[in-house]
Amino acid sequence: MKYSDIIGVMDSGVGGLTVLKELLKVLPSAKYVYFGDSANLPYGCKSKDEILFFNKNILNFFLTLGVKDIAIACNTTSALTYEDLKSEFTPKGLRIFPLIHSAANEAAQGLNESECICVLSTIATAKSGKYAHEIKKVNPNLKVVEIPCPGFVEIVENRLYNSKASHELVREKMQIVLENKAKRVILGCTHYPYLIDLLSKFAPKEIFFNPACSLAKSISGIIKNTNATSDVDFYVTGDPDEFKKSAKLFFEITKDVNFVKMPEFSSV
């Protein structure tokens, strides 16, 4: 088992806090550095080249901090740029853990032949077909329906849980889940666990699968730390106050937590 001094967690906004929350359960005394590229969210409607540019900037920043283990707390990044990032940064000493691979493997377990898994995700993740590809490695006979959900991230980031438009959008997407009689629904964007109460109005709560749990378990099986207590520093490219407002709804932010405003990345 490898020891790690610092674990980096990267996402486009507050969604990756669902991964950080699960990591704190299994590695409660680690030091974490969270990078939220909120100035460029959502990633799900951007091109691979744009996302790769943002990701490389984040990983290069982690290198300056001495971070060597990185949790990609973003499904879109895992789907589109993980292989490129792994190729470029592994030789530099980074170990990168993507969401989709561990989540797809666990989500496919325990289902009968030809049963259906639905994946709620961003447009970019759905177009990549990465979840279906990884799931069918485990069970090629499973039916996988990838459902792009533009607007879901904005509901979370802007705290629009009670709006009529939000409810209608979620109802529309969940109708596809019901029509396919899905046995499992993967929350294929780290923002989506924040929507679980709204999603559960349209389908049983127990069918929803949170990839953050799979990733955290995967990481804790490979690395451990020697710190006495947990510690989290936050770096955000957008407005730190807006980030805090969204984050506090789902994650305990204490007064002594360090938030650093980062400059926005220049254009690709």
Protein backbone atom coordinates (compact mmCIF):
# COMPACT_ATOMS: atom_id res chain seq x y z
CA MET A 1 0.00 0.00 0.00
CA LYS A 2 1.33 3.42 -0.97
CA TYR A 3 1.60 6.32 1.45
CA SER A 4 0.38 9.76 0.37
CA ASP A 5 1.13 13.10 2.01
CA ILE A 6 -1.50 15.07 0.07
CA ILE A 7 -4.48 14.02 -2.05
CA GLY A 8 -5.68 16.41 -4.74
CA VAL A 9 -9.34 16.53 -5.75
CA MET A 10 -10.29 18.34 -8.95
CA ASP A 11 -13.62 19.34 -10.48
CA SER A 12 -15.29 22.18 -12.36
CA GLY A 13 -17.20 23.34 -9.27
CA VAL A 14 -18.82 22.09 -6.07
CA GLY A 15 -19.79 18.71 -7.54
CA GLY A 16 -16.45 17.18 -6.63
CA LEU A 17 -17.23 17.78 -2.98
CA THR A 18 -19.31 14.60 -3.17
CA VAL A 19 -16.04 12.76 -3.82
CA LEU A 20 -14.18 14.67 -1.10
CA LYS A 21 -16.96 13.83 1.35
CA GLU A 22 -16.61 10.11 0.62
CA LEU A 23 -12.81 10.27 0.77
CA LEU A 24 -13.00 11.83 4.22
CA LYS A 25 -15.03 8.82 5.38
CA VAL A 26 -12.41 6.28 4.32
CA LEU A 27 -9.25 8.42 4.72
CA PRO A 28 -10.32 10.76 7.51
CA SER A 29 -6.89 12.03 8.49
CA ALA A 30 -5.50 12.84 5.06
CA LYS A 31 -4.54 16.31 3.87
CA TYR A 32 -6.62 17.34 0.86
CA VAL A 33 -6.28 20.07 -1.73
CA TYR A 34 -9.52 20.75 -3.60
CA PHE A 35 -9.46 22.62 -6.91
CA GLY A 36 -12.81 23.89 -8.20
CA ASP A 37 -12.53 25.40 -11.67
CA SER A 38 -15.81 27.23 -11.19
CA ALA A 39 -14.93 30.02 -13.63
CA ASN A 40 -15.17 27.46 -16.44
CA LEU A 41 -18.14 25.35 -15.38
CA PRO A 42 -19.90 23.44 -16.68
CA TYR A 43 -17.33 21.24 -18.39
CA GLY A 44 -20.07 19.09 -19.89
CA CYS A 45 -20.81 21.44 -22.79
CA LYS A 46 -17.18 22.22 -23.67
CA SER A 47 -14.87 20.58 -26.20
CA LYS A 48 -12.24 18.03 -25.28
CA ASP A 49 -9.48 20.50 -26.17
CA GLU A 50 -10.90 23.11 -23.81
CA ILE A 51 -11.31 20.66 -20.95
CA LEU A 52 -7.84 19.21 -21.50
CA PHE A 53 -6.37 22.71 -21.38
CA PHE A 54 -8.09 23.42 -18.03
CA ASN A 55 -7.09 20.03 -16.65
CA LYS A 56 -3.42 20.42 -17.55
CA ASN A 57 -3.34 23.78 -15.80
CA ILE A 58 -4.83 22.23 -12.66
CA LEU A 59 -2.42 19.29 -12.62
CA ASN A 60 0.56 21.56 -13.17
CA PHE A 61 -0.64 23.63 -10.21
CA PHE A 62 -0.91 20.48 -8.08
CA LEU A 63 2.69 19.68 -8.97
CA THR A 64 3.80 23.03 -7.55
CA LEU A 65 2.14 22.07 -4.25
CA GLY A 66 3.77 18.66 -4.12
CA VAL A 67 0.48 16.82 -4.67
CA LYS A 68 1.13 13.40 -6.18
CA ASP A 69 -2.20 11.56 -5.87
CA ILE A 70 -5.12 13.06 -7.79
CA ALA A 71 -8.81 12.12 -7.64
CA ILE A 72 -10.57 13.24 -10.81
CA ALA A 73 -13.88 14.21 -9.24
CA CYS A 74 -15.44 14.93 -12.62
CA ASN A 75 -17.04 12.36 -14.90
CA THR A 76 -16.55 14.50 -18.00
CA THR A 77 -12.82 14.78 -17.34
CA SER A 78 -12.65 11.04 -16.67
CA ALA A 79 -14.45 10.33 -19.94
CA LEU A 80 -12.61 12.72 -22.24
CA THR A 81 -9.14 13.53 -20.94
CA TYR A 82 -8.03 10.89 -18.43
CA GLU A 83 -5.93 8.91 -20.91
CA ASP A 84 -4.18 12.08 -22.13
CA LEU A 85 -3.55 13.27 -18.58
CA LYS A 86 -2.28 9.86 -17.52
CA SER A 87 0.11 9.74 -20.47
CA GLU A 88 1.55 13.20 -19.80
CA PHE A 89 1.58 13.37 -16.00
CA THR A 90 2.32 9.82 -14.84
CA PRO A 91 5.96 10.24 -15.96
CA LYS A 92 6.04 13.40 -13.82
CA GLY A 93 5.22 11.34 -10.73
CA LEU A 94 1.46 11.79 -10.49
CA ARG A 95 -0.98 8.98 -9.81
CA ILE A 96 -4.41 9.83 -11.24
CA PHE A 97 -7.64 8.11 -10.17
CA PRO A 98 -10.61 8.51 -12.57
CA LEU A 99 -14.25 8.20 -11.56
CA ILE A 100 -15.78 6.21 -14.38
CA HIS A 101 -13.61 3.10 -14.30
CA SER A 102 -14.25 2.18 -10.66
CA ALA A 103 -17.90 3.26 -10.80
CA ALA A 104 -18.76 1.31 -13.94
CA ASN A 105 -17.22 -1.87 -12.55
CA GLU A 106 -19.15 -1.71 -9.29
CA ALA A 107 -22.43 -0.54 -10.83
CA ALA A 108 -22.48 -3.52 -13.19
CA GLN A 109 -22.25 -6.02 -10.35
CA GLY A 110 -25.31 -7.94 -9.16
CA LEU A 111 -27.52 -7.34 -12.20
CA ASN A 112 -29.06 -10.07 -14.32
CA GLU A 113 -28.36 -10.50 -18.01
CA SER A 114 -30.04 -7.90 -20.25
CA GLU A 115 -31.18 -5.68 -17.36
CA CYS A 116 -30.85 -1.94 -17.83
CA ILE A 117 -28.50 0.62 -16.33
CA CYS A 118 -29.24 4.27 -17.05
CA VAL A 119 -26.51 6.89 -16.77
CA LEU A 120 -27.46 10.49 -16.05
CA SER A 121 -24.60 12.68 -17.21
CA THR A 122 -23.42 15.79 -18.99
CA ILE A 123 -23.66 16.02 -22.76
CA ALA A 124 -19.93 15.41 -23.16
CA THR A 125 -19.90 12.32 -20.95
CA ALA A 126 -22.94 10.85 -22.71
CA LYS A 127 -21.44 11.46 -26.15
CA SER A 128 -18.21 9.76 -25.12
CA GLY A 129 -20.01 6.47 -24.45
CA LYS A 130 -17.38 5.79 -21.80
CA TYR A 131 -19.77 4.43 -19.18
CA ALA A 132 -21.32 1.97 -21.63
CA HIS A 133 -17.86 0.91 -22.78
CA GLU A 134 -16.63 0.22 -19.26
CA ILE A 135 -19.88 -1.43 -18.08
CA LYS A 136 -19.91 -3.84 -21.01
CA LYS A 137 -16.40 -4.96 -20.11
CA VAL A 138 -17.99 -6.41 -16.98
CA ASN A 139 -21.25 -7.64 -18.53
CA PRO A 140 -21.63 -7.23 -22.31
CA ASN A 141 -25.30 -8.19 -22.15
CA LEU A 142 -26.43 -5.32 -19.96
CA LYS A 143 -28.47 -2.61 -21.62
CA VAL A 144 -26.89 0.81 -21.01
CA VAL A 145 -28.82 4.01 -21.73
CA GLU A 146 -26.76 7.19 -21.41
CA ILE A 147 -28.98 10.23 -20.80
CA PRO A 148 -27.50 13.71 -21.30
CA CYS A 149 -28.85 16.13 -18.71
CA PRO A 150 -27.93 19.70 -19.65
CA GLY A 151 -29.09 22.07 -16.94
CA PHE A 152 -28.61 19.74 -13.98
CA VAL A 153 -25.25 21.27 -13.03
CA GLU A 154 -26.73 24.75 -13.15
CA ILE A 155 -29.53 23.68 -10.79
CA VAL A 156 -26.90 22.72 -8.22
CA GLU A 157 -24.47 25.58 -8.71
CA ASN A 158 -27.26 28.18 -8.63
CA ARG A 159 -29.31 26.41 -5.95
CA LEU A 160 -32.48 26.20 -8.08
CA TYR A 161 -33.91 23.11 -6.40
CA ASN A 162 -37.38 24.49 -5.88
CA SER A 163 -37.99 26.11 -9.25
CA LYS A 164 -40.75 24.82 -11.50
CA ALA A 165 -38.35 24.65 -14.44
CA SER A 166 -35.95 22.46 -12.46
CA HIS A 167 -38.70 20.03 -11.51
CA GLU A 168 -39.90 19.81 -15.10
CA LEU A 169 -36.39 19.17 -16.41
CA VAL A 170 -35.75 16.41 -13.89
CA ARG A 171 -39.17 14.85 -14.55
CA GLU A 172 -38.42 14.77 -18.28
CA LYS A 173 -35.13 12.94 -17.83
CA MET A 174 -36.49 10.53 -15.25
CA GLN A 175 -39.28 9.57 -17.63
CA ILE A 176 -36.60 8.02 -19.85
CA VAL A 177 -35.36 6.03 -16.85
CA LEU A 178 -38.85 4.74 -16.13
CA GLU A 179 -39.55 3.87 -19.75
CA ASN A 180 -36.39 1.74 -19.83
CA LYS A 181 -37.26 0.05 -16.52
CA ALA A 182 -33.76 0.73 -15.24
CA LYS A 183 -32.57 -1.40 -12.34
CA ARG A 184 -29.74 1.00 -11.56
CA VAL A 185 -29.23 4.69 -12.30
CA ILE A 186 -25.68 6.00 -12.22
CA LEU A 187 -25.35 9.62 -11.15
CA GLY A 188 -22.75 10.25 -13.84
CA CYS A 189 -21.81 13.76 -12.78
CA THR A 190 -20.50 14.58 -9.32
CA HIS A 191 -23.04 17.40 -9.03
CA TYR A 192 -25.97 15.00 -9.35
CA PRO A 193 -25.91 13.45 -5.85
CA TYR A 194 -26.95 16.92 -4.69
CA LEU A 195 -30.16 16.33 -6.68
CA ILE A 196 -31.04 13.05 -4.99
CA ASP A 197 -34.07 14.41 -3.12
CA LEU A 198 -35.47 15.83 -6.34
CA LEU A 199 -34.66 12.73 -8.39
CA SER A 200 -36.29 10.53 -5.75
CA LYS A 201 -39.63 12.22 -6.36
CA PHE A 202 -39.77 10.32 -9.65
CA ALA A 203 -38.06 6.98 -8.93
CA PRO A 204 -37.11 4.84 -5.92
CA LYS A 205 -34.11 6.25 -4.08
CA GLU A 206 -32.42 2.86 -3.82
CA ILE A 207 -31.82 2.55 -7.57
CA PHE A 208 -29.50 5.57 -7.68
CA PHE A 209 -25.77 4.83 -7.69
CA ASN A 210 -23.19 7.38 -6.54
CA PRO A 211 -19.79 6.90 -8.29
CA ALA A 212 -18.08 8.98 -5.58
CA CYS A 213 -18.40 6.06 -3.18
CA SER A 214 -16.72 3.67 -5.63
CA LEU A 215 -13.85 6.04 -6.30
CA ALA A 216 -13.22 6.66 -2.61
CA LYS A 217 -13.16 2.93 -1.87
CA SER A 218 -10.81 2.34 -4.79
CA ILE A 219 -8.38 5.02 -3.61
CA SER A 220 -8.45 3.89 0.03
CA GLY A 221 -7.53 0.38 -1.09
CA ILE A 222 -4.36 1.67 -2.72
CA ILE A 223 -3.07 4.52 -0.58
CA LYS A 224 -3.07 5.60 3.04
CA ASN A 225 -1.70 8.56 4.93
CA THR A 226 0.18 9.28 8.12
CA ASN A 227 -1.33 12.63 9.12
CA ALA A 228 -2.78 12.97 12.59
CA THR A 229 -5.85 14.98 11.50
CA SER A 230 -7.63 15.92 8.30
CA ASP A 231 -6.99 19.23 6.58
CA VAL A 232 -8.55 20.72 3.45
CA ASP A 233 -7.45 23.70 1.38
CA PHE A 234 -9.69 25.05 -1.37
CA TYR A 235 -8.60 26.74 -4.57
CA VAL A 236 -11.26 28.17 -6.91
CA THR A 237 -11.06 30.07 -10.17
CA GLY A 238 -14.51 31.64 -9.79
CA ASP A 239 -16.04 33.66 -6.96
CA PRO A 240 -15.06 32.02 -3.62
CA ASP A 241 -18.13 33.43 -1.88
CA GLU A 242 -20.49 31.90 -4.44
CA PHE A 243 -18.59 28.62 -4.17
CA LYS A 244 -19.01 28.66 -0.39
CA LYS A 245 -22.75 29.34 -0.64
CA SER A 246 -23.28 26.25 -2.78
CA ALA A 247 -20.79 24.11 -0.88
CA LYS A 248 -22.24 24.86 2.56
CA LEU A 249 -25.55 23.28 1.58
CA PHE A 250 -23.91 19.86 1.45
CA PHE A 251 -20.45 20.08 2.98
CA GLU A 252 -19.33 21.34 6.36
CA ILE A 253 -17.18 24.42 5.80
CA THR A 254 -15.58 25.56 9.04
CA LYS A 255 -14.41 29.11 9.65
CA ASP A 256 -10.74 28.19 9.55
CA VAL A 257 -10.92 26.53 6.11
CA ASN A 258 -8.54 28.16 3.67
CA PHE A 259 -10.07 29.44 0.39
CA VAL A 260 -7.74 30.82 -2.26
CA LYS A 261 -8.97 32.69 -5.35
CA MET A 262 -7.02 31.50 -8.36
CA PRO A 263 -6.62 33.45 -11.59
CA GLU A 264 -8.78 32.20 -14.44
CA PHE A 265 -7.00 30.21 -17.10
CA SER A 266 -6.39 32.08 -20.32
CA SER A 267 -8.10 30.87 -23.50
CA VAL A 268 -7.00 27.69 -25.23
